[in-house]
Every structure is written in structure tokens, then in C-alpha cells.
Amino acid sequence: MLAIDKSSNAFLRYTKLNQILEESSMPTIKNVCVFCGSNHGYDPQFLEQTNALGTYLAHHDHPVVYGGGKEGLMGAIATSTMAAGGQVIGIIPTFLRELGLAKDDVTTFIETATMDERKDEMLRQSDAFIVLPGGFGTFEEFTTMLSWSQINVHQKPIALFNIDHYFDDLVAMMQKSCDAGFAPQENMNLFINATTIDGIFNGFATFKHQLPYKYTN
């Protein structure tokens, strides 16, 4: 493995950018985007904790941004938030709405032309991200926001709600990418891995977006 040249222009640019980020204050978290599955999953804890999260977000005045669906944990996070008096912003591509998958009785309903535009709008509407258990689409949403954080497209906190250790293998795979030299170890600090709602928001309270020097070898 080659040593990092800390005198290089690229490394110095990363260092300067981190100084700027450290000097800027962490914005107040208002809207929270929730990524989650369009199924409930087999473990009853998934639905129970999703409902608990929706209630918590409503009671703490955090409007929920989510993928606009009515099925599975997606429908549950919207329903539980609104039942507790909270606001919900649903964002869904037109083709999914036309398939009858949309929950259009939320506070604000936004249609997009494509899946990519949906993610762009979710990023624009949100101050932080919570990832609940889900399938391939949920993984894609999480890794998109994480990779965008890595290249400074945004500086917003991201948390895995690791209910019943659902994400343990995913976290281990990301650690393996660091161990194998494909990502700096510091990248593991770009997201929070928590098993409780309190753990998520404690992580949000102390989160600092710091960019490592990406090119390790």
C-alpha cells in the first residue's frame, strides 16, 4: 500500500474543506427522511418499531419525508406519524402512483418523473435520514445518500435503525471495503448505527460531517 502524500494538492484541499465544515454550525434538524421497505418483513419488531418511530417524530415536531407508498413499513411510517398528529411529505414517481401504490392522503404529496428525481427531492426536503429495514430499494437509497455524503453533495446525518441487528451484515460488508483498501476507515463515521430511537437522535446531536482523504492507496 502506498503512503498518503499529505503535501499533495488534493490532500490539502480535503483538509481545507474539513476545516470549513468544522467551523460551520450543524443545521437544526427539522424534516426527517425515512427510508424503509414496502413490505412489513417477518419480524413483528420491524412494524412495532416503525410505528414507535412515527409517533416519536410526530411528538418531537419532525415532519416525515418518505417514499409516498401505502404498503408495508412505508405505509406504516406515514400512518403512525399522522395518527400522532405529525406531518408527512410523500414523494413518489408517477408510474408507481399509476400502479395504485401511493398513499395520497398525506399532508403533502409530490410526484416526480423518475426514481432519480424522487431521491433528489427527498434530499432537498430533508435535514436528516433514518433507514429502517427494507429490501434492495432501501439499500439503494441508503448507499446513494451515503456516497453523496462521501463526495460532499450533502452534509446531513444518516442513521441505520438497526432493529434486531437487521443491518449487521451490511455494516460488516462496508467495514470490509475499508479493510480491503477501497474506502478510508473514517467513512464509517459518515453514518450512525443505532438499535434504538434515542440512540439515533443522540447520534444526530453529536454528528460532524468530516470528509476523509478518499484515495488511500
Protein backbone atom coordinates (compact mmCIF):
# COMPACT_ATOMS: atom_id res chain seq x y z
CA MET A 1 0.00 0.00 0.00
CA LEU A 2 1.27 3.45 -0.89
CA ALA A 3 1.54 6.07 1.83
CA ILE A 4 -0.74 9.10 1.52
CA ASP A 5 1.15 12.15 0.29
CA LYS A 6 -0.05 14.77 2.78
CA SER A 7 1.68 17.51 0.81
CA SER A 8 -0.35 16.86 -2.34
CA ASN A 9 -2.80 19.49 -3.57
CA ALA A 10 -5.67 17.01 -3.40
CA PHE A 11 -4.98 16.16 0.25
CA LEU A 12 -4.62 19.83 1.15
CA ARG A 13 -7.98 20.59 -0.50
CA TYR A 14 -9.64 17.89 1.61
CA THR A 15 -8.01 19.31 4.75
CA LYS A 16 -9.19 22.84 3.97
CA LEU A 17 -12.72 21.64 3.25
CA ASN A 18 -12.89 19.83 6.58
CA GLN A 19 -11.76 22.99 8.36
CA ILE A 20 -14.62 24.88 6.73
CA LEU A 21 -17.12 22.16 7.67
CA GLU A 22 -15.92 22.09 11.28
CA GLU A 23 -16.27 25.86 11.57
CA SER A 24 -19.84 25.83 10.23
CA SER A 25 -22.60 25.05 12.72
CA MET A 26 -24.68 21.91 12.39
CA PRO A 27 -28.07 22.94 10.96
CA THR A 28 -31.14 22.29 13.07
CA ILE A 29 -32.83 19.03 12.16
CA LYS A 30 -36.45 19.58 11.23
CA ASN A 31 -37.61 17.29 8.42
CA VAL A 32 -36.51 13.66 8.75
CA CYS A 33 -36.49 11.38 5.72
CA VAL A 34 -37.31 7.74 6.42
CA PHE A 35 -36.24 5.01 4.00
CA CYS A 36 -37.93 1.64 4.54
CA GLY A 37 -39.46 -1.41 2.93
CA SER A 38 -42.72 -1.71 1.03
CA ASN A 39 -43.27 -4.98 2.93
CA HIS A 40 -43.62 -5.40 6.69
CA GLY A 41 -41.00 -8.14 6.99
CA TYR A 42 -41.46 -11.28 9.07
CA ASP A 43 -40.19 -9.98 12.41
CA PRO A 44 -43.01 -8.15 14.26
CA GLN A 45 -40.40 -5.81 15.76
CA PHE A 46 -39.99 -4.15 12.37
CA LEU A 47 -43.58 -2.88 12.33
CA GLU A 48 -43.65 -2.15 16.07
CA GLN A 49 -40.52 -0.01 15.93
CA THR A 50 -41.65 1.72 12.74
CA ASN A 51 -44.87 2.76 14.47
CA ALA A 52 -42.88 3.88 17.52
CA LEU A 53 -40.61 5.97 15.30
CA GLY A 54 -43.57 7.63 13.57
CA THR A 55 -45.08 8.52 16.94
CA TYR A 56 -41.75 9.86 18.21
CA LEU A 57 -41.19 12.03 15.14
CA ALA A 58 -44.70 13.48 15.40
CA HIS A 59 -44.38 14.23 19.12
CA HIS A 60 -41.00 15.90 18.59
CA ASP A 61 -42.23 18.06 15.69
CA HIS A 62 -40.21 16.35 12.96
CA PRO A 63 -42.19 16.19 9.70
CA VAL A 64 -41.54 12.90 7.92
CA VAL A 65 -40.32 12.73 4.33
CA TYR A 66 -40.74 9.29 2.77
CA GLY A 67 -41.28 7.45 -0.50
CA GLY A 68 -45.02 8.01 -0.75
CA GLY A 69 -46.12 4.37 -0.67
CA LYS A 70 -49.08 2.86 1.17
CA GLU A 71 -47.76 -0.67 1.63
CA GLY A 72 -45.51 -2.24 4.24
CA LEU A 73 -43.31 -0.18 6.54
CA MET A 74 -43.67 2.75 4.15
CA GLY A 75 -47.39 2.92 4.78
CA ALA A 76 -46.84 2.32 8.49
CA ILE A 77 -44.43 5.22 9.00
CA ALA A 78 -46.85 7.60 7.28
CA THR A 79 -49.93 6.31 9.11
CA SER A 80 -48.32 6.27 12.56
CA THR A 81 -46.88 9.76 12.13
CA MET A 82 -50.19 11.26 11.05
CA ALA A 83 -52.12 9.36 13.74
CA ALA A 84 -49.89 11.04 16.34
CA GLY A 85 -50.55 14.50 14.86
CA GLY A 86 -47.45 14.77 12.71
CA GLN A 87 -46.92 15.94 9.14
CA VAL A 88 -45.91 13.67 6.27
CA ILE A 89 -44.41 14.56 2.88
CA GLY A 90 -44.80 11.70 0.41
CA ILE A 91 -42.63 11.65 -2.73
CA ILE A 92 -43.32 9.08 -5.43
CA PRO A 93 -42.72 8.66 -9.17
CA THR A 94 -45.78 8.92 -11.39
CA PHE A 95 -45.50 5.34 -12.64
CA LEU A 96 -45.75 3.95 -9.09
CA ARG A 97 -48.78 6.12 -8.36
CA GLU A 98 -50.40 4.84 -11.55
CA LEU A 99 -49.89 1.28 -10.26
CA GLY A 100 -52.01 2.18 -7.23
CA LEU A 101 -49.12 2.09 -4.74
CA ALA A 102 -49.32 5.68 -3.48
CA LYS A 103 -50.67 6.90 -0.15
CA ASP A 104 -52.07 10.20 -1.35
CA ASP A 105 -53.84 11.29 1.85
CA VAL A 106 -50.63 12.58 3.45
CA THR A 107 -50.01 16.23 4.36
CA THR A 108 -48.05 16.99 1.18
CA PHE A 109 -47.91 14.73 -1.87
CA ILE A 110 -45.21 15.23 -4.52
CA GLU A 111 -44.96 13.34 -7.82
CA THR A 112 -41.70 13.00 -9.72
CA ALA A 113 -40.98 11.82 -13.24
CA THR A 114 -38.29 9.29 -12.29
CA MET A 115 -36.82 7.37 -9.36
CA ASP A 116 -33.70 9.53 -9.51
CA GLU A 117 -35.77 12.70 -9.26
CA ARG A 118 -37.51 11.17 -6.26
CA LYS A 119 -34.18 10.78 -4.43
CA ASP A 120 -33.16 14.31 -5.41
CA GLU A 121 -36.40 15.69 -3.97
CA MET A 122 -36.08 13.62 -0.79
CA LEU A 123 -32.61 15.06 -0.29
CA ARG A 124 -33.87 18.59 -0.91
CA GLN A 125 -36.78 18.22 1.52
CA SER A 126 -34.83 16.59 4.38
CA ASP A 127 -32.38 17.55 7.12
CA ALA A 128 -31.51 14.01 8.21
CA PHE A 129 -32.11 10.40 7.16
CA ILE A 130 -33.24 7.31 9.08
CA VAL A 131 -33.02 3.92 7.36
CA LEU A 132 -35.41 1.21 8.55
CA PRO A 133 -35.29 -2.43 7.44
CA GLY A 134 -36.18 -2.95 3.80
CA GLY A 135 -35.09 -4.61 0.60
CA PHE A 136 -33.00 -3.71 -2.41
CA GLY A 137 -34.66 -0.32 -2.90
CA THR A 138 -33.97 0.65 0.70
CA PHE A 139 -30.33 -0.41 0.37
CA GLU A 140 -30.02 1.66 -2.80
CA GLU A 141 -31.47 4.75 -1.12
CA PHE A 142 -29.12 4.37 1.84
CA THR A 143 -25.99 3.82 -0.24
CA THR A 144 -26.92 6.69 -2.56
CA MET A 145 -27.17 9.16 0.32
CA LEU A 146 -24.01 7.73 1.90
CA SER A 147 -21.99 8.00 -1.31
CA TRP A 148 -23.29 11.54 -1.87
CA SER A 149 -22.17 12.40 1.66
CA GLN A 150 -18.72 10.98 0.88
CA ILE A 151 -18.29 13.37 -2.06
CA ASN A 152 -19.84 16.33 -0.20
CA VAL A 153 -23.07 16.57 -2.19
CA HIS A 154 -24.64 16.96 1.26
CA GLN A 155 -23.51 17.06 4.89
CA LYS A 156 -26.65 15.63 6.50
CA PRO A 157 -26.62 12.87 9.14
CA ILE A 158 -27.71 9.36 8.16
CA ALA A 159 -28.74 6.70 10.67
CA LEU A 160 -29.38 2.99 10.30
CA PHE A 161 -32.19 1.97 12.66
CA ASN A 162 -30.69 -1.47 13.23
CA ILE A 163 -33.78 -3.21 14.56
CA ASP A 164 -32.97 -6.73 15.79
CA HIS A 165 -29.50 -6.35 14.20
CA TYR A 166 -31.02 -6.37 10.70
CA PHE A 167 -28.18 -4.30 9.24
CA ASP A 168 -25.26 -6.08 10.92
CA ASP A 169 -24.18 -7.87 7.74
CA LEU A 170 -24.44 -4.68 5.67
CA VAL A 171 -22.29 -2.79 8.18
CA ALA A 172 -19.79 -5.67 8.14
CA MET A 173 -19.63 -5.50 4.34
CA MET A 174 -18.92 -1.77 4.45
CA GLN A 175 -16.21 -2.36 7.05
CA LYS A 176 -14.74 -5.00 4.74
CA SER A 177 -14.48 -2.39 1.97
CA CYS A 178 -12.41 -0.25 4.34
CA ASP A 179 -10.25 -3.19 5.41
CA ALA A 180 -9.63 -4.08 1.76
CA GLY A 181 -8.47 -0.56 0.89
CA PHE A 182 -11.46 0.61 -1.15
CA ALA A 183 -12.65 3.24 1.33
CA PRO A 184 -10.99 5.13 4.19
CA GLN A 185 -11.85 3.91 7.68
CA GLU A 186 -13.17 7.39 8.51
CA ASN A 187 -16.05 6.79 6.08
CA MET A 188 -17.65 4.59 8.72
CA ASN A 189 -18.28 7.79 10.69
CA LEU A 190 -20.49 9.19 7.91
CA PHE A 191 -23.44 7.19 9.25
CA ILE A 192 -24.86 6.26 12.64
CA ASN A 193 -25.59 2.63 13.52
CA ALA A 194 -28.18 2.56 16.32
CA THR A 195 -30.57 -0.02 17.76
CA THR A 196 -32.89 2.47 19.50
CA ILE A 197 -34.65 5.72 18.62
CA ASP A 198 -32.81 7.52 21.42
CA GLY A 199 -29.55 6.20 20.02
CA ILE A 200 -30.38 7.66 16.62
CA PHE A 201 -31.10 11.13 17.95
CA ASN A 202 -28.11 11.08 20.31
CA GLY A 203 -26.04 10.33 17.22
CA PHE A 204 -27.66 13.18 15.32
CA ALA A 205 -26.88 15.57 18.19
CA THR A 206 -23.15 14.84 18.05
CA PHE A 207 -22.74 14.22 14.30
CA LYS A 208 -19.97 16.09 12.49
CA HIS A 209 -19.58 15.73 8.76
CA GLN A 210 -15.88 15.21 8.12
CA LEU A 211 -14.51 14.16 4.76
CA PRO A 212 -11.54 11.80 4.83
CA TYR A 213 -8.95 11.78 2.09
CA LYS A 214 -10.64 9.21 -0.12
CA TYR A 215 -7.69 7.89 -2.11
CA THR A 216 -5.93 5.58 0.32
CA ASN A 217 -3.57 3.72 -2.00
